[in-house]
Amino acid sequence: MYKLSPHWLKQIKTSDKPAYLLIADLIAEGVHNGQLVARDRLPPLRDLAVELELNYTTVARAYAEARATVV
């Protein structure tokens, strides 16, 4: 299990926001508050999909959204 996954899973289960947007927001939040720093590796798509109980495409879309918004 990855260090951010339990928090992310809780957020996904309780939010009305689409999971792909929420994951992108959680990545941005992690960058802005210092939980994620340059060169940190995010979990592989398939691993995160399994841990968050989402399908691979949703997580891939979330990572793409995060790349487009986090600078």
PDB file of N, CA and C in Angstrom:
ATOM      1  N   MET A   1       0.845  -1.187   0.000  1.00  0.00           N
ATOM      2  CA  MET A   1       0.000   0.000   0.000  1.00  0.00           C
ATOM      3  C   MET A   1       0.884   1.242   0.000  1.00  0.00           C
ATOM      4  N   TYR A   2       0.506   2.208  -0.760  1.00  0.00           N
ATOM      5  CA  TYR A   2       1.255   3.448  -0.863  1.00  0.00           C
ATOM      6  C   TYR A   2       0.801   4.415   0.219  1.00  0.00           C
ATOM      7  N   LYS A   3       1.691   5.324   0.614  1.00  0.00           N
ATOM      8  CA  LYS A   3       1.420   6.182   1.767  1.00  0.00           C
ATOM      9  C   LYS A   3       0.194   7.077   1.594  1.00  0.00           C
ATOM     10  N   LEU A   4      -0.142   7.463   0.389  1.00  0.00           N
ATOM     11  CA  LEU A   4      -1.276   8.358   0.178  1.00  0.00           C
ATOM     12  C   LEU A   4      -2.588   7.621  -0.063  1.00  0.00           C
ATOM     13  N   SER A   5      -2.520   6.355  -0.399  1.00  0.00           N
ATOM     14  CA  SER A   5      -3.708   5.601  -0.800  1.00  0.00           C
ATOM     15  C   SER A   5      -4.845   5.576   0.220  1.00  0.00           C
ATOM     16  N   PRO A   6      -4.578   5.347   1.520  1.00  0.00           N
ATOM     17  CA  PRO A   6      -5.709   5.302   2.464  1.00  0.00           C
ATOM     18  C   PRO A   6      -6.491   6.622   2.506  1.00  0.00           C
ATOM     19  N   HIS A   7      -5.776   7.724   2.513  1.00  0.00           N
ATOM     20  CA  HIS A   7      -6.431   9.041   2.496  1.00  0.00           C
ATOM     21  C   HIS A   7      -7.215   9.220   1.203  1.00  0.00           C
ATOM     22  N   TRP A   8      -6.614   8.841   0.096  1.00  0.00           N
ATOM     23  CA  TRP A   8      -7.283   8.990  -1.194  1.00  0.00           C
ATOM     24  C   TRP A   8      -8.525   8.125  -1.273  1.00  0.00           C
ATOM     25  N   LEU A   9      -8.443   6.911  -0.792  1.00  0.00           N
ATOM     26  CA  LEU A   9      -9.593   6.004  -0.823  1.00  0.00           C
ATOM     27  C   LEU A   9     -10.746   6.587  -0.018  1.00  0.00           C
ATOM     28  N   LYS A  10     -10.447   7.112   1.141  1.00  0.00           N
ATOM     29  CA  LYS A  10     -11.480   7.726   1.978  1.00  0.00           C
ATOM     30  C   LYS A  10     -12.136   8.901   1.250  1.00  0.00           C
ATOM     31  N   GLN A  11     -11.320   9.724   0.621  1.00  0.00           N
ATOM     32  CA  GLN A  11     -11.841  10.877  -0.114  1.00  0.00           C
ATOM     33  C   GLN A  11     -12.728  10.435  -1.281  1.00  0.00           C
ATOM     34  N   ILE A  12     -12.302   9.435  -2.006  1.00  0.00           N
ATOM     35  CA  ILE A  12     -13.070   8.946  -3.158  1.00  0.00           C
ATOM     36  C   ILE A  12     -14.409   8.363  -2.714  1.00  0.00           C
ATOM     37  N   LYS A  13     -14.402   7.642  -1.607  1.00  0.00           N
ATOM     38  CA  LYS A  13     -15.634   7.022  -1.114  1.00  0.00           C
ATOM     39  C   LYS A  13     -16.655   8.052  -0.634  1.00  0.00           C
ATOM     40  N   THR A  14     -16.175   9.210  -0.145  1.00  0.00           N
ATOM     41  CA  THR A  14     -17.088  10.187   0.449  1.00  0.00           C
ATOM     42  C   THR A  14     -17.413  11.373  -0.454  1.00  0.00           C
ATOM     43  N   SER A  15     -16.754  11.492  -1.586  1.00  0.00           N
ATOM     44  CA  SER A  15     -16.955  12.655  -2.452  1.00  0.00           C
ATOM     45  C   SER A  15     -17.963  12.383  -3.567  1.00  0.00           C
ATOM     46  N   ASP A  16     -18.656  13.422  -3.966  1.00  0.00           N
ATOM     47  CA  ASP A  16     -19.559  13.338  -5.114  1.00  0.00           C
ATOM     48  C   ASP A  16     -18.845  13.680  -6.420  1.00  0.00           C
ATOM     49  N   LYS A  17     -17.639  14.186  -6.317  1.00  0.00           N
ATOM     50  CA  LYS A  17     -16.857  14.594  -7.477  1.00  0.00           C
ATOM     51  C   LYS A  17     -16.378  13.360  -8.241  1.00  0.00           C
ATOM     52  N   PRO A  18     -16.312  13.421  -9.571  1.00  0.00           N
ATOM     53  CA  PRO A  18     -15.788  12.278 -10.332  1.00  0.00           C
ATOM     54  C   PRO A  18     -14.384  11.897  -9.853  1.00  0.00           C
ATOM     55  N   ALA A  19     -14.134  10.607  -9.755  1.00  0.00           N
ATOM     56  CA  ALA A  19     -12.870  10.112  -9.202  1.00  0.00           C
ATOM     57  C   ALA A  19     -11.658  10.643  -9.950  1.00  0.00           C
ATOM     58  N   TYR A  20     -11.723  10.740 -11.279  1.00  0.00           N
ATOM     59  CA  TYR A  20     -10.545  11.189 -12.025  1.00  0.00           C
ATOM     60  C   TYR A  20     -10.198  12.632 -11.694  1.00  0.00           C
ATOM     61  N   LEU A  21     -11.198  13.471 -11.455  1.00  0.00           N
ATOM     62  CA  LEU A  21     -10.938  14.857 -11.068  1.00  0.00           C
ATOM     63  C   LEU A  21     -10.465  14.945  -9.625  1.00  0.00           C
ATOM     64  N   LEU A  22     -11.033  14.120  -8.784  1.00  0.00           N
ATOM     65  CA  LEU A  22     -10.647  14.123  -7.378  1.00  0.00           C
ATOM     66  C   LEU A  22      -9.203  13.668  -7.210  1.00  0.00           C
ATOM     67  N   ILE A  23      -8.790  12.639  -7.917  1.00  0.00           N
ATOM     68  CA  ILE A  23      -7.402  12.172  -7.825  1.00  0.00           C
ATOM     69  C   ILE A  23      -6.451  13.262  -8.294  1.00  0.00           C
ATOM     70  N   ALA A  24      -6.784  13.932  -9.386  1.00  0.00           N
ATOM     71  CA  ALA A  24      -5.948  15.037  -9.868  1.00  0.00           C
ATOM     72  C   ALA A  24      -5.865  16.131  -8.803  1.00  0.00           C
ATOM     73  N   ASP A  25      -6.979  16.442  -8.163  1.00  0.00           N
ATOM     74  CA  ASP A  25      -6.978  17.444  -7.089  1.00  0.00           C
ATOM     75  C   ASP A  25      -6.132  16.987  -5.903  1.00  0.00           C
ATOM     76  N   LEU A  26      -6.210  15.712  -5.564  1.00  0.00           N
ATOM     77  CA  LEU A  26      -5.423  15.186  -4.448  1.00  0.00           C
ATOM     78  C   LEU A  26      -3.926  15.216  -4.755  1.00  0.00           C
ATOM     79  N   ILE A  27      -3.557  14.976  -5.993  1.00  0.00           N
ATOM     80  CA  ILE A  27      -2.151  15.083  -6.390  1.00  0.00           C
ATOM     81  C   ILE A  27      -1.700  16.532  -6.266  1.00  0.00           C
ATOM     82  N   ALA A  28      -2.513  17.463  -6.781  1.00  0.00           N
ATOM     83  CA  ALA A  28      -2.180  18.889  -6.692  1.00  0.00           C
ATOM     84  C   ALA A  28      -2.064  19.322  -5.233  1.00  0.00           C
ATOM     85  N   GLU A  29      -2.990  18.858  -4.410  1.00  0.00           N
ATOM     86  CA  GLU A  29      -2.970  19.181  -2.979  1.00  0.00           C
ATOM     87  C   GLU A  29      -1.679  18.666  -2.340  1.00  0.00           C
ATOM     88  N   GLY A  30      -1.286  17.455  -2.698  1.00  0.00           N
ATOM     89  CA  GLY A  30      -0.053  16.884  -2.170  1.00  0.00           C
ATOM     90  C   GLY A  30       1.177  17.665  -2.566  1.00  0.00           C
ATOM     91  N   VAL A  31       1.193  18.175  -3.786  1.00  0.00           N
ATOM     92  CA  VAL A  31       2.309  18.993  -4.255  1.00  0.00           C
ATOM     93  C   VAL A  31       2.338  20.322  -3.510  1.00  0.00           C
ATOM     94  N   HIS A  32       1.190  20.945  -3.389  1.00  0.00           N
ATOM     95  CA  HIS A  32       1.127  22.264  -2.755  1.00  0.00           C
ATOM     96  C   HIS A  32       1.408  22.227  -1.257  1.00  0.00           C
ATOM     97  N   ASN A  33       1.052  21.146  -0.584  1.00  0.00           N
ATOM     98  CA  ASN A  33       1.291  21.096   0.866  1.00  0.00           C
ATOM     99  C   ASN A  33       2.575  20.359   1.242  1.00  0.00           C
ATOM    100  N   GLY A  34       3.337  19.925   0.246  1.00  0.00           N
ATOM    101  CA  GLY A  34       4.640  19.329   0.499  1.00  0.00           C
ATOM    102  C   GLY A  34       4.656  17.823   0.717  1.00  0.00           C
ATOM    103  N   GLN A  35       3.495  17.167   0.655  1.00  0.00           N
ATOM    104  CA  GLN A  35       3.479  15.708   0.784  1.00  0.00           C
ATOM    105  C   GLN A  35       4.149  15.045  -0.408  1.00  0.00           C
ATOM    106  N   LEU A  36       4.011  15.656  -1.564  1.00  0.00           N
ATOM    107  CA  LEU A  36       4.663  15.177  -2.782  1.00  0.00           C
ATOM    108  C   LEU A  36       5.659  16.234  -3.229  1.00  0.00           C
ATOM    109  N   VAL A  37       6.870  15.811  -3.502  1.00  0.00           N
ATOM    110  CA  VAL A  37       7.902  16.735  -3.952  1.00  0.00           C
ATOM    111  C   VAL A  37       8.460  16.245  -5.281  1.00  0.00           C
ATOM    112  N   ALA A  38       9.258  17.092  -5.901  1.00  0.00           N
ATOM    113  CA  ALA A  38       9.863  16.739  -7.178  1.00  0.00           C
ATOM    114  C   ALA A  38      10.562  15.388  -7.070  1.00  0.00           C
ATOM    115  N   ARG A  39      10.388  14.592  -8.072  1.00  0.00           N
ATOM    116  CA  ARG A  39      10.982  13.260  -8.190  1.00  0.00           C
ATOM    117  C   ARG A  39      10.273  12.184  -7.368  1.00  0.00           C
ATOM    118  N   ASP A  40       9.231  12.537  -6.614  1.00  0.00           N
ATOM    119  CA  ASP A  40       8.423  11.501  -5.964  1.00  0.00           C
ATOM    120  C   ASP A  40       7.720  10.706  -7.049  1.00  0.00           C
ATOM    121  N   ARG A  41       7.629   9.428  -6.829  1.00  0.00           N
ATOM    122  CA  ARG A  41       6.934   8.574  -7.791  1.00  0.00           C
ATOM    123  C   ARG A  41       5.532   8.282  -7.288  1.00  0.00           C
ATOM    124  N   LEU A  42       4.591   8.445  -8.172  1.00  0.00           N
ATOM    125  CA  LEU A  42       3.222   8.053  -7.872  1.00  0.00           C
ATOM    126  C   LEU A  42       3.101   6.557  -8.133  1.00  0.00           C
ATOM    127  N   PRO A  43       2.128   5.927  -7.518  1.00  0.00           N
ATOM    128  CA  PRO A  43       1.954   4.485  -7.744  1.00  0.00           C
ATOM    129  C   PRO A  43       1.680   4.190  -9.221  1.00  0.00           C
ATOM    130  N   PRO A  44       2.099   3.034  -9.706  1.00  0.00           N
ATOM    131  CA  PRO A  44       1.748   2.637 -11.077  1.00  0.00           C
ATOM    132  C   PRO A  44       0.224   2.622 -11.235  1.00  0.00           C
ATOM    133  N   LEU A  45      -0.225   2.895 -12.437  1.00  0.00           N
ATOM    134  CA  LEU A  45      -1.658   3.000 -12.709  1.00  0.00           C
ATOM    135  C   LEU A  45      -2.438   1.777 -12.225  1.00  0.00           C
ATOM    136  N   ARG A  46      -1.986   0.609 -12.592  1.00  0.00           N
ATOM    137  CA  ARG A  46      -2.726  -0.604 -12.224  1.00  0.00           C
ATOM    138  C   ARG A  46      -2.767  -0.807 -10.710  1.00  0.00           C
ATOM    139  N   ASP A  47      -1.652  -0.565 -10.039  1.00  0.00           N
ATOM    140  CA  ASP A  47      -1.615  -0.722  -8.585  1.00  0.00           C
ATOM    141  C   ASP A  47      -2.584   0.240  -7.900  1.00  0.00           C
ATOM    142  N   LEU A  48      -2.571   1.493  -8.336  1.00  0.00           N
ATOM    143  CA  LEU A  48      -3.463   2.477  -7.733  1.00  0.00           C
ATOM    144  C   LEU A  48      -4.920   2.146  -8.024  1.00  0.00           C
ATOM    145  N   ALA A  49      -5.193   1.691  -9.222  1.00  0.00           N
ATOM    146  CA  ALA A  49      -6.565   1.305  -9.575  1.00  0.00           C
ATOM    147  C   ALA A  49      -7.073   0.208  -8.647  1.00  0.00           C
ATOM    148  N   VAL A  50      -6.240  -0.776  -8.371  1.00  0.00           N
ATOM    149  CA  VAL A  50      -6.632  -1.861  -7.474  1.00  0.00           C
ATOM    150  C   VAL A  50      -6.851  -1.330  -6.055  1.00  0.00           C
ATOM    151  N   GLU A  51      -5.917  -0.521  -5.562  1.00  0.00           N
ATOM    152  CA  GLU A  51      -6.012  -0.012  -4.195  1.00  0.00           C
ATOM    153  C   GLU A  51      -7.218   0.904  -3.990  1.00  0.00           C
ATOM    154  N   LEU A  52      -7.552   1.688  -5.025  1.00  0.00           N
ATOM    155  CA  LEU A  52      -8.667   2.624  -4.895  1.00  0.00           C
ATOM    156  C   LEU A  52      -9.985   2.031  -5.379  1.00  0.00           C
ATOM    157  N   GLU A  53      -9.928   0.777  -5.823  1.00  0.00           N
ATOM    158  CA  GLU A  53     -11.123   0.085  -6.297  1.00  0.00           C
ATOM    159  C   GLU A  53     -11.769   0.825  -7.476  1.00  0.00           C
ATOM    160  N   LEU A  54     -10.905   1.261  -8.391  1.00  0.00           N
ATOM    161  CA  LEU A  54     -11.336   1.955  -9.609  1.00  0.00           C
ATOM    162  C   LEU A  54     -10.821   1.180 -10.807  1.00  0.00           C
ATOM    163  N   ASN A  55     -11.321   1.532 -11.983  1.00  0.00           N
ATOM    164  CA  ASN A  55     -10.767   0.855 -13.147  1.00  0.00           C
ATOM    165  C   ASN A  55      -9.544   1.615 -13.660  1.00  0.00           C
ATOM    166  N   TYR A  56      -8.729   0.915 -14.410  1.00  0.00           N
ATOM    167  CA  TYR A  56      -7.465   1.442 -14.923  1.00  0.00           C
ATOM    168  C   TYR A  56      -7.664   2.736 -15.696  1.00  0.00           C
ATOM    169  N   THR A  57      -8.686   2.794 -16.526  1.00  0.00           N
ATOM    170  CA  THR A  57      -8.936   3.975 -17.363  1.00  0.00           C
ATOM    171  C   THR A  57      -9.200   5.216 -16.522  1.00  0.00           C
ATOM    172  N   THR A  58      -9.913   5.062 -15.421  1.00  0.00           N
ATOM    173  CA  THR A  58     -10.193   6.189 -14.537  1.00  0.00           C
ATOM    174  C   THR A  58      -8.898   6.752 -13.955  1.00  0.00           C
ATOM    175  N   VAL A  59      -8.018   5.871 -13.512  1.00  0.00           N
ATOM    176  CA  VAL A  59      -6.749   6.318 -12.934  1.00  0.00           C
ATOM    177  C   VAL A  59      -5.857   6.928 -14.015  1.00  0.00           C
ATOM    178  N   ALA A  60      -5.834   6.339 -15.198  1.00  0.00           N
ATOM    179  CA  ALA A  60      -5.049   6.903 -16.299  1.00  0.00           C
ATOM    180  C   ALA A  60      -5.550   8.308 -16.636  1.00  0.00           C
ATOM    181  N   ARG A  61      -6.853   8.467 -16.657  1.00  0.00           N
ATOM    182  CA  ARG A  61      -7.440   9.789 -16.932  1.00  0.00           C
ATOM    183  C   ARG A  61      -7.088  10.777 -15.825  1.00  0.00           C
ATOM    184  N   ALA A  62      -7.074  10.316 -14.585  1.00  0.00           N
ATOM    185  CA  ALA A  62      -6.714  11.171 -13.452  1.00  0.00           C
ATOM    186  C   ALA A  62      -5.266  11.643 -13.562  1.00  0.00           C
ATOM    187  N   TYR A  63      -4.362  10.741 -13.897  1.00  0.00           N
ATOM    188  CA  TYR A  63      -2.960  11.119 -14.047  1.00  0.00           C
ATOM    189  C   TYR A  63      -2.793  12.115 -15.199  1.00  0.00           C
ATOM    190  N   ALA A  64      -3.507  11.904 -16.287  1.00  0.00           N
ATOM    191  CA  ALA A  64      -3.436  12.838 -17.410  1.00  0.00           C
ATOM    192  C   ALA A  64      -3.961  14.209 -16.998  1.00  0.00           C
ATOM    193  N   GLU A  65      -5.046  14.228 -16.262  1.00  0.00           N
ATOM    194  CA  GLU A  65      -5.615  15.484 -15.765  1.00  0.00           C
ATOM    195  C   GLU A  65      -4.623  16.178 -14.823  1.00  0.00           C
ATOM    196  N   ALA A  66      -3.987  15.416 -13.970  1.00  0.00           N
ATOM    197  CA  ALA A  66      -3.005  15.981 -13.040  1.00  0.00           C
ATOM    198  C   ALA A  66      -1.819  16.580 -13.787  1.00  0.00           C
ATOM    199  N   ARG A  67      -1.341  15.874 -14.827  1.00  0.00           N
ATOM    200  CA  ARG A  67      -0.231  16.407 -15.621  1.00  0.00           C
ATOM    201  C   ARG A  67      -0.605  17.727 -16.277  1.00  0.00           C
ATOM    202  N   ALA A  68      -1.849  17.844 -16.683  1.00  0.00           N
ATOM    203  CA  ALA A  68      -2.300  19.066 -17.365  1.00  0.00           C
ATOM    204  C   ALA A  68      -2.483  20.249 -16.394  1.00  0.00           C
ATOM    205  N   THR A  69      -2.729  19.946 -15.122  1.00  0.00           N
ATOM    206  CA  THR A  69      -3.037  21.026 -14.187  1.00  0.00           C
ATOM    207  C   THR A  69      -1.942  21.337 -13.192  1.00  0.00           C
ATOM    208  N   VAL A  70      -1.119  20.356 -12.815  1.00  0.00           N
ATOM    209  CA  VAL A  70      -0.057  20.593 -11.831  1.00  0.00           C
ATOM    210  C   VAL A  70       1.195  21.036 -12.571  1.00  0.00           C
ATOM    211  N   VAL A  71       1.672  22.195 -12.181  1.00  0.00           N
ATOM    212  CA  VAL A  71       2.879  22.711 -12.828  1.00  0.00           C
ATOM    213  C   VAL A  71       3.949  22.936 -11.805  1.00  0.00           C
TER     214      VAL A  71
END
